[in-house]
Amino acid sequence: MTIRQKAVVHFAKQWYGSLELGVYGYCNTESGELKYFETDCLEVF
């Protein structure tokens, strides 16, 4: 994981309490930006 990815995971854990809750995840978009999805995706950090 990159520092940026770790930061996203840390944020998600703080926000949801656990990455296991729900089916929310962050993915890399084609533009390289982080985008929020209300569904599981292949590149969840």
Protein backbone atom coordinates (compact mmCIF):
# COMPACT_ATOMS: atom_id res chain seq x y z
CA MET A 1 0.00 0.00 0.00
CA THR A 2 1.08 3.53 -0.67
CA ILE A 3 0.87 6.23 1.98
CA ARG A 4 -2.18 7.62 0.20
CA GLN A 5 -3.89 4.23 0.25
CA LYS A 6 -3.10 3.78 3.93
CA ALA A 7 -4.57 7.20 4.64
CA VAL A 8 -7.78 6.23 2.85
CA VAL A 9 -8.04 2.99 4.78
CA HIS A 10 -7.41 4.87 8.05
CA PHE A 11 -10.12 7.39 7.16
CA ALA A 12 -12.57 4.65 6.23
CA LYS A 13 -11.91 2.83 9.50
CA GLN A 14 -12.45 6.03 11.47
CA TRP A 15 -15.62 6.91 9.57
CA TYR A 16 -17.27 3.49 9.59
CA GLY A 17 -15.52 1.95 12.57
CA SER A 18 -14.68 -1.07 10.46
CA LEU A 19 -14.00 -1.70 6.82
CA GLU A 20 -16.24 -4.76 7.18
CA LEU A 21 -19.35 -2.64 7.70
CA GLY A 22 -21.54 -2.21 4.66
CA VAL A 23 -20.45 -2.50 1.06
CA TYR A 24 -18.68 0.83 0.84
CA GLY A 25 -15.27 1.20 -0.68
CA TYR A 26 -12.79 3.51 -2.31
CA CYS A 27 -11.37 2.78 -5.74
CA ASN A 28 -8.88 4.37 -8.07
CA THR A 29 -10.55 5.96 -11.06
CA GLU A 30 -8.92 6.00 -14.48
CA SER A 31 -7.84 9.58 -13.81
CA GLY A 32 -5.93 8.39 -10.75
CA GLU A 33 -8.26 10.12 -8.31
CA LEU A 34 -9.91 8.35 -5.42
CA LYS A 35 -13.63 7.96 -5.92
CA TYR A 36 -16.21 6.81 -3.42
CA PHE A 37 -18.57 4.00 -4.38
CA GLU A 38 -21.55 2.59 -2.49
CA THR A 39 -20.62 -0.88 -3.64
CA ASP A 40 -17.72 -3.25 -3.49
CA CYS A 41 -15.12 -2.83 -6.18
CA LEU A 42 -12.09 -4.77 -7.29
CA GLU A 43 -9.57 -2.33 -5.88
CA VAL A 44 -10.85 -1.64 -2.40
CA PHE A 45 -7.98 -0.35 -0.28
